[in-house]
Amino acid sequence: MTHFHQRLLKNHSGQGLTEYLILLVLVAVVCIGSVTTMGTTMKTKFQKVREQINGLSTDG
């Protein structure tokens, strides 16, 4: 191996930043998935409540 290749293999200066970036991306994916799932669930619950309110107001 040349001196350049040996020096390149020993250089770990960007490793910490890359690990933090990967962690940040994973957290973002989990957050987006959670918000999407909760949003869908909340939308369904609000629709059921709206239907019940509308059913009570038209029956009375």
C-alpha atoms as a PDB file:
ATOM      1  CA  MET A   1       0.000   0.000   0.000  1.00  0.00           C
ATOM      2  CA  THR A   2       1.098   3.494  -0.622  1.00  0.00           C
ATOM      3  CA  HIS A   3       1.577   6.056   2.098  1.00  0.00           C
ATOM      4  CA  PHE A   4      -1.617   7.828   0.959  1.00  0.00           C
ATOM      5  CA  HIS A   5      -3.741   4.693   1.349  1.00  0.00           C
ATOM      6  CA  GLN A   6      -2.342   3.969   4.808  1.00  0.00           C
ATOM      7  CA  ARG A   7      -3.017   7.526   5.913  1.00  0.00           C
ATOM      8  CA  LEU A   8      -6.552   7.394   4.463  1.00  0.00           C
ATOM      9  CA  LEU A   9      -7.373   4.191   6.353  1.00  0.00           C
ATOM     10  CA  LYS A  10      -6.179   5.691   9.645  1.00  0.00           C
ATOM     11  CA  ASN A  11      -8.124   8.938   9.220  1.00  0.00           C
ATOM     12  CA  HIS A  12     -11.344   8.755  11.303  1.00  0.00           C
ATOM     13  CA  SER A  13     -12.079  12.478  11.558  1.00  0.00           C
ATOM     14  CA  GLY A  14     -15.576  12.292  10.002  1.00  0.00           C
ATOM     15  CA  GLN A  15     -16.670   9.103  11.736  1.00  0.00           C
ATOM     16  CA  GLY A  16     -18.376  10.786  14.722  1.00  0.00           C
ATOM     17  CA  LEU A  17     -20.307  13.182  12.520  1.00  0.00           C
ATOM     18  CA  THR A  18     -21.458  10.326  10.289  1.00  0.00           C
ATOM     19  CA  GLU A  19     -22.685   8.328  13.291  1.00  0.00           C
ATOM     20  CA  TYR A  20     -24.657  11.312  14.589  1.00  0.00           C
ATOM     21  CA  LEU A  21     -26.141  11.852  11.144  1.00  0.00           C
ATOM     22  CA  ILE A  22     -27.265   8.223  10.914  1.00  0.00           C
ATOM     23  CA  LEU A  23     -28.797   8.451  14.396  1.00  0.00           C
ATOM     24  CA  LEU A  24     -30.580  11.682  13.477  1.00  0.00           C
ATOM     25  CA  VAL A  25     -32.032  10.116  10.329  1.00  0.00           C
ATOM     26  CA  LEU A  26     -33.268   7.076  12.270  1.00  0.00           C
ATOM     27  CA  VAL A  27     -34.931   9.285  14.902  1.00  0.00           C
ATOM     28  CA  ALA A  28     -36.557  11.369  12.166  1.00  0.00           C
ATOM     29  CA  VAL A  29     -37.942   8.260  10.445  1.00  0.00           C
ATOM     30  CA  VAL A  30     -39.402   6.979  13.727  1.00  0.00           C
ATOM     31  CA  CYS A  31     -40.957  10.384  14.481  1.00  0.00           C
ATOM     32  CA  ILE A  32     -42.500  10.681  11.028  1.00  0.00           C
ATOM     33  CA  GLY A  33     -43.912   7.164  11.282  1.00  0.00           C
ATOM     34  CA  SER A  34     -45.351   7.840  14.731  1.00  0.00           C
ATOM     35  CA  VAL A  35     -46.953  11.130  13.733  1.00  0.00           C
ATOM     36  CA  THR A  36     -48.429   9.565  10.593  1.00  0.00           C
ATOM     37  CA  THR A  37     -49.902   6.661  12.545  1.00  0.00           C
ATOM     38  CA  MET A  38     -51.242   8.874  15.327  1.00  0.00           C
ATOM     39  CA  GLY A  39     -52.646  11.325  12.788  1.00  0.00           C
ATOM     40  CA  THR A  40     -54.578   8.591  11.025  1.00  0.00           C
ATOM     41  CA  THR A  41     -55.883   7.235  14.330  1.00  0.00           C
ATOM     42  CA  MET A  42     -56.923  10.679  15.533  1.00  0.00           C
ATOM     43  CA  LYS A  43     -58.636  11.434  12.226  1.00  0.00           C
ATOM     44  CA  THR A  44     -60.685   8.248  12.549  1.00  0.00           C
ATOM     45  CA  LYS A  45     -61.659   9.036  16.136  1.00  0.00           C
ATOM     46  CA  PHE A  46     -62.711  12.607  15.272  1.00  0.00           C
ATOM     47  CA  GLN A  47     -64.801  11.320  12.363  1.00  0.00           C
ATOM     48  CA  LYS A  48     -66.618   8.903  14.701  1.00  0.00           C
ATOM     49  CA  VAL A  49     -67.287  11.697  17.194  1.00  0.00           C
ATOM     50  CA  ARG A  50     -68.538  13.979  14.408  1.00  0.00           C
ATOM     51  CA  GLU A  51     -70.849  11.240  13.131  1.00  0.00           C
ATOM     52  CA  GLN A  52     -72.232  10.687  16.630  1.00  0.00           C
ATOM     53  CA  ILE A  53     -72.784  14.418  17.156  1.00  0.00           C
ATOM     54  CA  ASN A  54     -74.494  14.753  13.795  1.00  0.00           C
ATOM     55  CA  GLY A  55     -76.616  11.692  14.527  1.00  0.00           C
ATOM     56  CA  LEU A  56     -77.739  13.137  17.878  1.00  0.00           C
ATOM     57  CA  SER A  57     -78.539  16.565  16.449  1.00  0.00           C
ATOM     58  CA  THR A  58     -80.619  15.214  13.537  1.00  0.00           C
ATOM     59  CA  ASP A  59     -82.530  12.705  15.699  1.00  0.00           C
ATOM     60  CA  GLY A  60     -83.626  15.239  18.284  1.00  0.00           C
END
